[in-house]
Amino acid sequence: MMNNQENICCICGKKYTGWGNNPWPVVKDENARCCDECNNNQVLSARLTQMFSGKENKA
């Protein structure tokens, strides 16, 4: 099932269509969603940095 609803990325503010991505740990609001570009360029690297530094702050 596709979601063609237009949304606003919580990180860059650009419009995107679809479900979006969980922006944690860049944005710690559990209801926030980010676009694929921000997920690929900011969120994933932040998660890897936390994982390899041993600092997993989920709150």
C-alpha atoms as a PDB file:
ATOM      1  CA  MET A   1       0.000   0.000   0.000  1.00  0.00           C
ATOM      2  CA  MET A   2       1.445   3.353  -1.077  1.00  0.00           C
ATOM      3  CA  ASN A   3       1.113   6.568   0.865  1.00  0.00           C
ATOM      4  CA  ASN A   4       0.955   9.468  -1.597  1.00  0.00           C
ATOM      5  CA  GLN A   5       0.263  12.048   1.101  1.00  0.00           C
ATOM      6  CA  GLU A   6       2.560  15.072   0.994  1.00  0.00           C
ATOM      7  CA  ASN A   7       4.477  15.743   4.217  1.00  0.00           C
ATOM      8  CA  ILE A   8       7.144  18.151   5.479  1.00  0.00           C
ATOM      9  CA  CYS A   9      10.532  16.855   6.599  1.00  0.00           C
ATOM     10  CA  CYS A  10      11.247  17.703  10.258  1.00  0.00           C
ATOM     11  CA  ILE A  11      14.953  18.215   9.500  1.00  0.00           C
ATOM     12  CA  CYS A  12      15.232  20.164   6.220  1.00  0.00           C
ATOM     13  CA  GLY A  13      11.644  21.425   5.883  1.00  0.00           C
ATOM     14  CA  LYS A  14      11.267  20.171   2.308  1.00  0.00           C
ATOM     15  CA  LYS A  15       8.130  18.446   1.072  1.00  0.00           C
ATOM     16  CA  TYR A  16       8.175  14.692   0.463  1.00  0.00           C
ATOM     17  CA  THR A  17       5.585  12.070  -0.365  1.00  0.00           C
ATOM     18  CA  GLY A  18       5.293   8.712   1.313  1.00  0.00           C
ATOM     19  CA  TRP A  19       5.627   7.422   4.844  1.00  0.00           C
ATOM     20  CA  GLY A  20       8.881   9.173   5.728  1.00  0.00           C
ATOM     21  CA  ASN A  21      11.508   7.903   8.161  1.00  0.00           C
ATOM     22  CA  ASN A  22      12.116   7.936  11.894  1.00  0.00           C
ATOM     23  CA  PRO A  23      14.590  10.827  12.434  1.00  0.00           C
ATOM     24  CA  TRP A  24      15.985   9.617  15.775  1.00  0.00           C
ATOM     25  CA  PRO A  25      18.624  10.559  17.041  1.00  0.00           C
ATOM     26  CA  VAL A  26      18.751  13.791  14.999  1.00  0.00           C
ATOM     27  CA  VAL A  27      15.210  14.707  16.126  1.00  0.00           C
ATOM     28  CA  LYS A  28      14.013  12.989  19.298  1.00  0.00           C
ATOM     29  CA  ASP A  29      10.266  13.530  18.790  1.00  0.00           C
ATOM     30  CA  GLU A  30       8.788  10.063  18.286  1.00  0.00           C
ATOM     31  CA  ASN A  31       6.012  11.473  16.064  1.00  0.00           C
ATOM     32  CA  ALA A  32       8.388  13.331  13.732  1.00  0.00           C
ATOM     33  CA  ARG A  33       9.210  12.045  10.225  1.00  0.00           C
ATOM     34  CA  CYS A  34      12.019  12.954   7.842  1.00  0.00           C
ATOM     35  CA  CYS A  35      12.571  12.623   4.096  1.00  0.00           C
ATOM     36  CA  ASP A  36      14.745   9.934   2.499  1.00  0.00           C
ATOM     37  CA  GLU A  37      17.524  12.418   1.735  1.00  0.00           C
ATOM     38  CA  CYS A  38      17.875  13.508   5.380  1.00  0.00           C
ATOM     39  CA  ASN A  39      17.559   9.913   6.540  1.00  0.00           C
ATOM     40  CA  ASN A  40      20.416   8.872   4.240  1.00  0.00           C
ATOM     41  CA  ASN A  41      22.657  11.907   4.828  1.00  0.00           C
ATOM     42  CA  GLN A  42      22.118  12.733   8.507  1.00  0.00           C
ATOM     43  CA  VAL A  43      20.114  10.182  10.480  1.00  0.00           C
ATOM     44  CA  LEU A  44      21.923   6.998   9.476  1.00  0.00           C
ATOM     45  CA  SER A  45      25.371   8.509  10.079  1.00  0.00           C
ATOM     46  CA  ALA A  46      24.252   9.826  13.491  1.00  0.00           C
ATOM     47  CA  ARG A  47      22.997   6.354  14.448  1.00  0.00           C
ATOM     48  CA  LEU A  48      26.258   4.732  13.346  1.00  0.00           C
ATOM     49  CA  THR A  49      28.284   7.320  15.259  1.00  0.00           C
ATOM     50  CA  GLN A  50      26.299   6.624  18.421  1.00  0.00           C
ATOM     51  CA  MET A  51      26.534   2.882  17.940  1.00  0.00           C
ATOM     52  CA  PHE A  52      30.304   2.889  17.541  1.00  0.00           C
ATOM     53  CA  SER A  53      30.867   5.410  20.337  1.00  0.00           C
ATOM     54  CA  GLY A  54      28.793   3.288  22.733  1.00  0.00           C
ATOM     55  CA  LYS A  55      26.399   6.154  23.488  1.00  0.00           C
ATOM     56  CA  GLU A  56      22.841   4.982  22.870  1.00  0.00           C
ATOM     57  CA  ASN A  57      20.639   7.667  24.391  1.00  0.00           C
ATOM     58  CA  LYS A  58      17.116   6.778  23.293  1.00  0.00           C
ATOM     59  CA  ALA A  59      15.356   9.387  25.418  1.00  0.00           C
END
